[in-house]
Amino acid sequence: MLSVVGCGYLGTTHAACMSSLGFTVIGVDTDADKVAMLSRGELPFYEPGLDTLLAQEMKSGRLSFTTDFSAVQSADIHFVCVGTPQIKDGLAADLTYVRSAVRAISPYLKEGALVVGKSTVPVGTAQSLHEELAISAPQADLAWNPEFLREGFAVEDTLTPNRLVVGVTNDRAEEILKTVYAGIIALGTPWIRADLATAELVKVAANSFLATKISFINAMAEVCEAAGGDVTILAKAIGYDPRIGSRFLQAGIGFGGGCLPKDIRAFMARAEELGAKQALEFLREIDAINLRARQRVIDVVRSELSEDLTQYKVAVLGATFKPDSDDVRDSPALDIAAQLHAAGAHVVVHDPKGIEPARKRFPNLNFSQSVTECIKAADLILHLTEWKEYQALDPAVLGPLVKNKIIIDGRNALDRELWRNAGWKFHALGRTD
């Protein structure tokens, strides 16, 4: 039997996927409303395919959810999947939920139980929790197994990951985890055994590298605009180099979400605590480039309309930080919309899945359930999240609905020639013609 502590995005996905592998799984969370919803087989967030899997596993009887931590006492393995948000007054990660989760289950850990951290934490956290357990529950052990989920592909990334990393202190812990993941290992998934510190570092290092690659191409977009180049062609050309690769080389408004921004900031904070501040100083510029990409869109809006935006309607297509998700945490699209609203523009936002989460975050913004209503009489359209349905829009059909046929493609995902041939003024970051 397995327990999953924390039934948010990561925990719910992991619980349902482990159940689908044949394990009896109990999910525990302090949020009674969330537990009640999950117990009905309903998701409190959007993730493609997970709703079907959750309903299937609830029906099987292998998966259940509760607010009672004592319910985990029969479990042999306990996955800790709680959040580690950025602290309010600094860059560091808030470890309150991780430490509370381990302390909450420690009285119920049976002989030989294995606690497995999946949350993204600063290096050194696992070792400190290991030492705490040695006192509070010496009969148990602790390992770290970082998650590498992509929102929109969470089920796929759990059941067919591109690698499994486990941080352990002994052979027994590794063998237990090999048993849990036997079906996945059988598919040929690479298995990497590491110490606790390295396992923690793998996740933040991976996210830092991705953030660096995204910000690099956005920096190149700035140079292309200044020099009269085309960043899309540049990206295509360098992407053919196998040492570089084409993934994450799409210039635009930058990265967001609940992972990359806060993870690189927490990594910098932890490096400073360790006396290795200079090693990660480059991440400050990565963060700055990312935020600057958002401001560049606002600058283009002003150059197309006016410094004073109070008389203009701006239609924003996209609120989530990426498509196939309803996550608006640190969303560049929503941040741009909010800044334009604060500048006096009449902003209307559309998103296929993110309207309600966005409304909770920015209740003063205007939202529309329809693309046509969103863009009606707009002076300018911003394409800020690359949902497929936006890429399928017909600019010839939209033309008569707007006040001015101006569109800014913040993701370099639309067909520029299609829009221009329909009479639109088309602008994309890093492309000057």
Protein backbone atom coordinates (compact mmCIF):
# COMPACT_ATOMS: atom_id res chain seq x y z
CA MET A 1 0.00 0.00 0.00
CA LEU A 2 1.20 3.51 -0.86
CA SER A 3 0.25 6.89 0.59
CA VAL A 4 0.53 10.23 -1.17
CA VAL A 5 0.77 13.24 1.12
CA GLY A 6 -0.45 16.40 -0.58
CA CYS A 7 -3.16 16.11 -3.23
CA GLY A 8 -2.45 19.07 -5.44
CA TYR A 9 -1.32 18.83 -9.03
CA LEU A 10 1.67 16.57 -8.37
CA GLY A 11 0.09 14.46 -5.66
CA THR A 12 -3.17 13.76 -7.45
CA THR A 13 -1.35 12.81 -10.64
CA HIS A 14 1.06 10.54 -8.79
CA ALA A 15 -1.71 8.90 -6.76
CA ALA A 16 -3.87 8.13 -9.80
CA CYS A 17 -0.91 6.84 -11.82
CA MET A 18 0.36 4.61 -9.02
CA SER A 19 -3.15 3.21 -8.62
CA SER A 20 -3.24 2.49 -12.35
CA LEU A 21 -0.11 0.38 -11.86
CA GLY A 22 -2.05 -1.83 -9.47
CA PHE A 23 -1.16 -0.35 -6.07
CA THR A 24 -3.63 0.47 -3.35
CA VAL A 25 -3.16 4.20 -2.79
CA ILE A 26 -4.44 6.54 -0.08
CA GLY A 27 -4.12 10.27 -0.73
CA VAL A 28 -4.15 12.60 2.27
CA ASP A 29 -4.55 16.37 2.30
CA THR A 30 -5.57 19.00 4.84
CA ASP A 31 -8.00 20.68 2.41
CA ALA A 32 -11.38 19.07 3.09
CA ASP A 33 -13.05 20.59 0.03
CA LYS A 34 -10.33 19.27 -2.26
CA VAL A 35 -10.53 15.82 -0.69
CA ALA A 36 -14.30 15.76 -1.09
CA MET A 37 -13.98 16.71 -4.75
CA LEU A 38 -11.33 14.09 -5.47
CA SER A 39 -13.39 11.49 -3.61
CA ARG A 40 -16.17 12.14 -6.11
CA GLY A 41 -13.69 11.49 -8.90
CA GLU A 42 -13.52 15.18 -9.87
CA LEU A 43 -10.37 17.21 -10.49
CA PRO A 44 -9.91 20.64 -8.87
CA PHE A 45 -7.68 21.64 -11.81
CA TYR A 46 -7.33 20.90 -15.51
CA GLU A 47 -4.88 18.32 -16.84
CA PRO A 48 -5.53 16.42 -20.08
CA GLY A 49 -6.34 12.76 -19.48
CA LEU A 50 -6.08 12.88 -15.71
CA ASP A 51 -9.82 13.31 -15.17
CA THR A 52 -10.50 10.05 -16.99
CA LEU A 53 -7.74 8.23 -15.13
CA LEU A 54 -8.91 9.54 -11.76
CA ALA A 55 -12.49 8.44 -12.34
CA GLN A 56 -11.28 5.02 -13.52
CA GLU A 57 -9.09 4.46 -10.48
CA MET A 58 -11.72 5.65 -8.01
CA LYS A 59 -14.11 3.15 -9.57
CA SER A 60 -11.50 0.38 -9.24
CA GLY A 61 -11.49 0.79 -5.47
CA ARG A 62 -7.70 1.01 -5.30
CA LEU A 63 -7.62 4.79 -4.85
CA SER A 64 -9.09 6.86 -2.03
CA PHE A 65 -8.59 10.25 -0.42
CA THR A 66 -8.88 11.50 3.17
CA THR A 67 -7.99 14.31 5.55
CA ASP A 68 -7.12 11.81 8.30
CA PHE A 69 -3.36 11.32 8.49
CA SER A 70 -3.75 8.21 10.60
CA ALA A 71 -5.13 6.51 7.47
CA VAL A 72 -1.55 6.20 6.17
CA GLN A 73 -0.46 3.84 8.96
CA SER A 74 -0.92 0.72 6.82
CA ALA A 75 1.16 2.10 3.96
CA ASP A 76 4.65 0.82 3.29
CA ILE A 77 5.77 3.77 1.16
CA HIS A 78 4.79 7.41 1.58
CA PHE A 79 5.25 9.93 -1.24
CA VAL A 80 5.48 13.56 -0.10
CA CYS A 81 4.07 15.75 -2.89
CA VAL A 82 3.34 19.10 -1.25
CA GLY A 83 4.18 22.52 -2.66
CA THR A 84 7.29 24.60 -2.01
CA PRO A 85 6.27 28.14 -3.00
CA GLN A 86 8.57 31.14 -2.95
CA ILE A 87 8.58 32.93 0.42
CA LYS A 88 6.79 36.27 0.45
CA ASP A 89 9.77 38.40 1.47
CA GLY A 90 12.61 36.80 -0.45
CA LEU A 91 13.77 34.37 -3.14
CA ALA A 92 14.00 31.22 -1.03
CA ALA A 93 11.56 28.31 -1.07
CA ASP A 94 9.02 27.99 1.72
CA LEU A 95 9.55 24.54 3.24
CA THR A 96 6.69 24.81 5.73
CA TYR A 97 4.47 22.34 3.90
CA VAL A 98 7.21 19.75 3.33
CA ARG A 99 8.32 19.75 6.95
CA SER A 100 4.72 19.73 8.20
CA ALA A 101 3.86 16.79 5.94
CA VAL A 102 6.73 14.65 7.19
CA ARG A 103 5.97 15.53 10.81
CA ALA A 104 2.27 14.76 10.31
CA ILE A 105 2.91 11.21 9.09
CA SER A 106 5.87 10.35 11.34
CA PRO A 107 3.67 9.07 14.23
CA TYR A 108 2.03 6.61 11.84
CA LEU A 109 5.11 5.18 10.12
CA LYS A 110 5.37 1.45 10.62
CA GLU A 111 8.54 -0.61 10.86
CA GLY A 112 10.49 -0.43 7.63
CA ALA A 113 8.37 2.34 6.09
CA LEU A 114 9.99 4.49 3.41
CA VAL A 115 9.21 8.20 3.09
CA VAL A 116 9.89 9.41 -0.46
CA GLY A 117 10.09 13.12 -1.18
CA LYS A 118 8.96 14.24 -4.64
CA SER A 119 8.63 17.96 -3.92
CA THR A 120 11.20 20.35 -5.36
CA VAL A 121 13.35 21.47 -2.43
CA PRO A 122 16.64 23.30 -1.83
CA VAL A 123 19.64 21.00 -1.57
CA GLY A 124 20.16 19.85 1.99
CA THR A 125 16.46 19.59 2.82
CA ALA A 126 16.32 15.82 2.41
CA GLN A 127 19.31 15.30 4.70
CA SER A 128 17.75 17.45 7.41
CA LEU A 129 14.46 15.54 7.13
CA HIS A 130 16.40 12.28 7.23
CA GLU A 131 17.98 13.39 10.50
CA GLU A 132 14.60 14.45 11.90
CA LEU A 133 13.08 11.06 11.06
CA ALA A 134 16.00 9.30 12.73
CA ILE A 135 14.74 10.87 15.96
CA SER A 136 10.95 10.97 15.49
CA ALA A 137 10.56 7.68 13.59
CA PRO A 138 13.82 5.68 13.69
CA GLN A 139 11.98 2.66 12.30
CA ALA A 140 11.53 4.47 8.97
CA ASP A 141 13.83 5.61 6.17
CA LEU A 142 13.81 8.52 3.73
CA ALA A 143 14.63 8.83 0.02
CA TRP A 144 14.22 11.54 -2.61
CA ASN A 145 12.64 10.97 -6.01
CA PRO A 146 12.22 14.32 -7.81
CA GLU A 147 9.36 14.80 -10.24
CA PHE A 148 9.84 16.03 -13.80
CA LEU A 149 6.24 16.64 -14.85
CA ARG A 150 5.27 18.93 -17.71
CA GLU A 151 1.84 20.46 -17.29
CA GLY A 152 -0.31 19.15 -20.10
CA PHE A 153 1.66 15.87 -20.16
CA ALA A 154 1.61 14.89 -16.48
CA VAL A 155 0.13 11.41 -16.87
CA GLU A 156 2.51 10.57 -19.71
CA ASP A 157 5.50 11.91 -17.77
CA THR A 158 4.57 9.84 -14.71
CA LEU A 159 3.93 6.54 -16.46
CA THR A 160 6.55 6.86 -19.22
CA PRO A 161 9.19 9.26 -17.86
CA ASN A 162 12.43 9.94 -19.67
CA ARG A 163 14.35 9.02 -16.50
CA LEU A 164 13.85 8.01 -12.89
CA VAL A 165 16.17 9.62 -10.35
CA VAL A 166 16.30 8.31 -6.78
CA GLY A 167 18.36 9.73 -3.95
CA VAL A 168 18.96 7.06 -1.32
CA THR A 169 21.26 6.32 1.59
CA ASN A 170 21.21 2.53 1.34
CA ASP A 171 20.52 -0.39 -0.99
CA ARG A 172 17.25 -1.34 0.69
CA ALA A 173 15.62 2.00 -0.16
CA GLU A 174 16.69 1.66 -3.78
CA GLU A 175 15.28 -1.86 -4.02
CA ILE A 176 11.95 -0.72 -2.60
CA LEU A 177 11.70 2.02 -5.20
CA LYS A 178 12.70 -0.38 -7.96
CA THR A 179 9.78 -2.56 -6.90
CA VAL A 180 7.38 0.40 -7.04
CA TYR A 181 8.58 1.43 -10.47
CA ALA A 182 9.16 -2.09 -11.85
CA GLY A 183 6.60 -1.70 -14.63
CA ILE A 184 8.08 1.62 -15.72
CA ILE A 185 11.66 0.35 -15.55
CA ALA A 186 10.61 -2.60 -17.74
CA LEU A 187 9.81 -0.09 -20.50
CA GLY A 188 13.49 0.78 -20.65
CA THR A 189 13.35 3.94 -18.54
CA PRO A 190 16.84 4.98 -17.40
CA TRP A 191 17.38 4.47 -13.67
CA ILE A 192 19.75 6.84 -11.87
CA ARG A 193 20.79 6.23 -8.29
CA ALA A 194 22.18 9.25 -6.48
CA ASP A 195 22.83 10.54 -2.98
CA LEU A 196 20.15 12.75 -1.43
CA ALA A 197 21.86 16.04 -2.31
CA THR A 198 22.41 15.15 -5.96
CA ALA A 199 18.81 13.99 -6.37
CA GLU A 200 17.61 17.36 -5.07
CA LEU A 201 20.02 19.21 -7.36
CA VAL A 202 18.97 17.32 -10.48
CA LYS A 203 15.52 18.93 -10.52
CA VAL A 204 16.62 22.51 -9.92
CA ALA A 205 19.56 22.12 -12.29
CA ALA A 206 17.25 20.84 -15.04
CA ASN A 207 14.81 23.72 -14.53
CA SER A 208 17.65 26.23 -14.47
CA PHE A 209 18.99 24.90 -17.76
CA LEU A 210 15.57 25.12 -19.41
CA ALA A 211 15.10 28.65 -18.09
CA THR A 212 18.52 29.57 -19.43
CA LYS A 213 17.71 28.23 -22.89
CA ILE A 214 14.41 30.10 -23.04
CA SER A 215 15.95 33.35 -21.87
CA PHE A 216 18.87 32.91 -24.26
CA ILE A 217 16.62 32.86 -27.31
CA ASN A 218 14.66 35.81 -25.94
CA ALA A 219 17.93 37.71 -25.56
CA MET A 220 18.68 36.83 -29.19
CA ALA A 221 15.24 38.20 -30.08
CA GLU A 222 16.21 41.54 -28.56
CA VAL A 223 19.42 41.58 -30.62
CA CYS A 224 17.54 40.58 -33.79
CA GLU A 225 15.13 43.46 -33.36
CA ALA A 226 18.01 45.88 -32.89
CA ALA A 227 19.94 44.47 -35.87
CA GLY A 228 17.06 43.80 -38.24
CA GLY A 229 17.29 40.01 -38.03
CA ASP A 230 14.71 37.25 -37.65
CA VAL A 231 14.93 35.23 -34.47
CA THR A 232 12.78 32.40 -35.82
CA ILE A 233 15.27 31.71 -38.61
CA LEU A 234 18.18 32.11 -36.20
CA ALA A 235 16.60 29.59 -33.80
CA LYS A 236 15.97 27.12 -36.62
CA ALA A 237 19.57 27.40 -37.81
CA ILE A 238 21.24 26.90 -34.43
CA GLY A 239 18.71 24.21 -33.48
CA TYR A 240 20.13 21.88 -36.12
CA ASP A 241 23.36 21.75 -34.12
CA PRO A 242 22.99 18.53 -32.07
CA ARG A 243 24.93 20.15 -29.25
CA ILE A 244 22.19 22.77 -28.96
CA GLY A 245 18.94 21.20 -30.19
CA SER A 246 15.74 22.96 -31.21
CA ARG A 247 13.65 22.41 -28.07
CA PHE A 248 12.84 25.53 -26.02
CA LEU A 249 14.23 27.86 -28.70
CA GLN A 250 10.97 29.66 -29.45
CA ALA A 251 11.30 33.34 -28.68
CA GLY A 252 8.39 35.05 -27.00
CA ILE A 253 7.16 36.46 -23.71
CA GLY A 254 9.15 34.00 -21.60
CA PHE A 255 8.49 31.31 -19.05
CA GLY A 256 6.13 31.26 -16.10
CA GLY A 257 4.12 28.79 -14.07
CA GLY A 258 4.60 27.39 -10.61
CA CYS A 259 8.02 25.82 -11.19
CA LEU A 260 10.69 27.53 -13.29
CA PRO A 261 10.49 31.08 -11.87
CA LYS A 262 10.39 30.13 -8.21
CA ASP A 263 12.83 27.23 -8.62
CA ILE A 264 15.63 29.30 -10.13
CA ARG A 265 15.13 31.96 -7.47
CA ALA A 266 15.24 29.40 -4.68
CA PHE A 267 18.33 27.86 -6.27
CA MET A 268 20.08 31.25 -6.17
CA ALA A 269 19.05 31.77 -2.56
CA ARG A 270 20.33 28.35 -1.52
CA ALA A 271 23.62 28.82 -3.38
CA GLU A 272 24.17 32.02 -1.45
CA GLU A 273 23.53 30.20 1.83
CA LEU A 274 26.09 27.60 0.81
CA GLY A 275 28.70 30.22 -0.05
CA ALA A 276 28.41 29.53 -3.78
CA LYS A 277 26.55 32.71 -4.75
CA GLN A 278 28.84 33.55 -7.69
CA ALA A 279 28.22 30.16 -9.34
CA LEU A 280 24.59 31.07 -9.99
CA GLU A 281 24.83 34.81 -10.55
CA PHE A 282 23.98 34.21 -14.22
CA LEU A 283 20.50 33.11 -13.16
CA ARG A 284 19.74 36.67 -12.05
CA GLU A 285 20.17 37.82 -15.62
CA ILE A 286 18.11 34.85 -16.84
CA ASP A 287 15.30 35.99 -14.56
CA ALA A 288 15.72 39.61 -15.69
CA ILE A 289 15.63 38.69 -19.40
CA ASN A 290 12.47 36.70 -18.77
CA LEU A 291 10.71 39.60 -17.08
CA ARG A 292 12.00 42.04 -19.70
CA ALA A 293 10.27 40.04 -22.45
CA ARG A 294 6.93 40.92 -20.86
CA GLN A 295 7.79 44.61 -20.77
CA ARG A 296 8.83 44.52 -24.42
CA VAL A 297 5.30 43.46 -25.38
CA ILE A 298 3.86 46.38 -23.47
CA ASP A 299 6.31 48.71 -25.19
CA VAL A 300 5.17 47.41 -28.60
CA VAL A 301 1.52 47.95 -27.63
CA ARG A 302 2.30 51.56 -26.74
CA SER A 303 4.25 52.09 -29.96
CA GLU A 304 1.30 50.78 -31.99
CA LEU A 305 -1.41 52.69 -30.09
CA SER A 306 -0.29 55.46 -27.76
CA GLU A 307 1.62 56.10 -24.55
CA ASP A 308 -1.78 56.90 -23.07
CA LEU A 309 -3.82 53.71 -23.37
CA THR A 310 -6.99 54.89 -21.67
CA GLN A 311 -9.00 55.17 -24.89
CA TYR A 312 -8.03 51.78 -26.30
CA LYS A 313 -9.35 48.23 -26.09
CA VAL A 314 -6.77 45.45 -26.03
CA ALA A 315 -7.92 41.86 -26.55
CA VAL A 316 -5.67 39.27 -24.90
CA LEU A 317 -5.76 35.71 -26.20
CA GLY A 318 -4.42 33.52 -23.42
CA ALA A 319 -4.23 33.74 -19.63
CA THR A 320 -2.43 30.53 -18.66
CA PHE A 321 1.35 30.29 -18.66
CA LYS A 322 1.19 27.53 -21.28
CA PRO A 323 -1.48 25.71 -23.33
CA ASP A 324 -3.25 22.53 -22.12
CA SER A 325 -3.28 23.83 -18.56
CA ASP A 326 -5.40 26.06 -16.34
CA ASP A 327 -2.35 27.22 -14.36
CA VAL A 328 -2.01 30.99 -14.17
CA ARG A 329 0.74 31.12 -11.55
CA ASP A 330 3.35 33.67 -12.63
CA SER A 331 1.77 33.63 -16.08
CA PRO A 332 3.48 36.08 -18.46
CA ALA A 333 0.22 36.44 -20.40
CA LEU A 334 -1.82 37.36 -17.35
CA ASP A 335 0.91 39.65 -16.02
CA ILE A 336 0.95 41.59 -19.31
CA ALA A 337 -2.85 41.83 -19.27
CA ALA A 338 -2.81 43.14 -15.70
CA GLN A 339 -0.11 45.71 -16.46
CA LEU A 340 -2.02 47.02 -19.48
CA HIS A 341 -5.17 47.25 -17.35
CA ALA A 342 -3.22 49.17 -14.70
CA ALA A 343 -2.01 51.52 -17.46
CA GLY A 344 -5.61 52.40 -18.27
CA ALA A 345 -6.36 50.19 -21.26
CA HIS A 346 -9.68 48.40 -21.55
CA VAL A 347 -8.42 44.81 -21.46
CA VAL A 348 -10.53 41.75 -22.24
CA VAL A 349 -9.01 38.30 -21.76
CA HIS A 350 -9.98 34.97 -23.29
CA ASP A 351 -8.59 31.54 -22.43
CA PRO A 352 -9.98 28.06 -23.13
CA LYS A 353 -9.34 26.76 -19.60
CA GLY A 354 -7.87 29.51 -17.45
CA ILE A 355 -10.61 32.12 -17.09
CA GLU A 356 -11.78 31.18 -13.61
CA PRO A 357 -8.28 30.81 -12.09
CA ALA A 358 -7.33 34.10 -13.77
CA ARG A 359 -10.46 35.83 -12.46
CA LYS A 360 -9.59 34.74 -8.91
CA ARG A 361 -6.10 36.17 -9.32
CA PHE A 362 -7.13 39.42 -11.04
CA PRO A 363 -10.84 40.06 -10.36
CA ASN A 364 -10.64 43.56 -11.84
CA LEU A 365 -9.80 42.27 -15.33
CA ASN A 366 -12.52 41.69 -17.92
CA PHE A 367 -12.94 38.14 -19.23
CA SER A 368 -14.84 36.66 -22.14
CA GLN A 369 -15.83 33.05 -22.81
CA SER A 370 -15.83 33.72 -26.56
CA VAL A 371 -12.93 34.72 -28.81
CA THR A 372 -15.23 36.77 -31.04
CA GLU A 373 -16.66 38.67 -28.06
CA CYS A 374 -13.17 39.19 -26.69
CA ILE A 375 -11.83 40.80 -29.87
CA LYS A 376 -14.96 42.74 -30.86
CA ALA A 377 -14.05 46.42 -31.49
CA ALA A 378 -10.51 45.82 -30.27
CA ASP A 379 -7.80 48.28 -31.21
CA LEU A 380 -5.16 45.58 -30.90
CA ILE A 381 -4.98 41.83 -30.27
CA LEU A 382 -2.28 40.15 -28.18
CA HIS A 383 -1.64 36.44 -28.75
CA LEU A 384 0.04 35.37 -25.50
CA THR A 385 -0.63 31.66 -24.94
CA GLU A 386 -0.14 29.26 -27.86
CA TRP A 387 -3.41 27.32 -27.64
CA LYS A 388 -4.06 25.37 -30.83
CA GLU A 389 -7.44 27.00 -31.26
CA TYR A 390 -5.77 30.40 -31.56
CA GLN A 391 -3.44 29.08 -34.25
CA ALA A 392 -6.52 27.84 -36.12
CA LEU A 393 -8.22 31.27 -36.17
CA ASP A 394 -9.04 32.70 -39.58
CA PRO A 395 -7.76 36.32 -39.73
CA ALA A 396 -10.05 37.07 -42.69
CA VAL A 397 -13.08 36.21 -40.55
CA LEU A 398 -11.81 38.19 -37.56
CA GLY A 399 -10.95 41.31 -39.54
CA PRO A 400 -14.46 42.82 -39.72
CA LEU A 401 -14.92 42.35 -35.95
CA VAL A 402 -12.05 44.54 -34.76
CA LYS A 403 -11.53 48.29 -34.82
CA ASN A 404 -7.92 48.04 -35.99
CA LYS A 405 -6.36 45.01 -37.62
CA ILE A 406 -3.25 44.88 -35.44
CA ILE A 407 -1.97 41.72 -33.79
CA ILE A 408 1.13 41.09 -31.70
CA ASP A 409 2.17 37.45 -31.62
CA GLY A 410 3.88 37.08 -28.26
CA ARG A 411 4.67 33.43 -28.88
CA ASN A 412 5.87 33.40 -32.50
CA ALA A 413 3.30 30.67 -33.12
CA LEU A 414 0.95 32.20 -35.70
CA ASP A 415 1.29 32.12 -39.48
CA ARG A 416 2.61 35.61 -40.19
CA GLU A 417 1.97 35.53 -43.93
CA LEU A 418 -1.61 34.32 -43.44
CA TRP A 419 -2.40 37.26 -41.18
CA ARG A 420 -0.59 39.80 -43.35
CA ASN A 421 -2.32 38.57 -46.49
CA ALA A 422 -5.62 39.17 -44.70
CA GLY A 423 -4.65 42.80 -44.20
CA TRP A 424 -3.41 42.67 -40.62
CA LYS A 425 -0.45 44.54 -39.21
CA PHE A 426 1.52 41.70 -37.66
CA HIS A 427 4.28 42.07 -35.08
CA ALA A 428 6.25 39.29 -33.38
CA LEU A 429 9.13 39.58 -30.93
CA GLY A 430 12.51 39.22 -32.61
CA ARG A 431 11.22 39.78 -36.16
CA THR A 432 11.55 43.27 -37.61
CA ASP A 433 10.14 43.11 -41.14
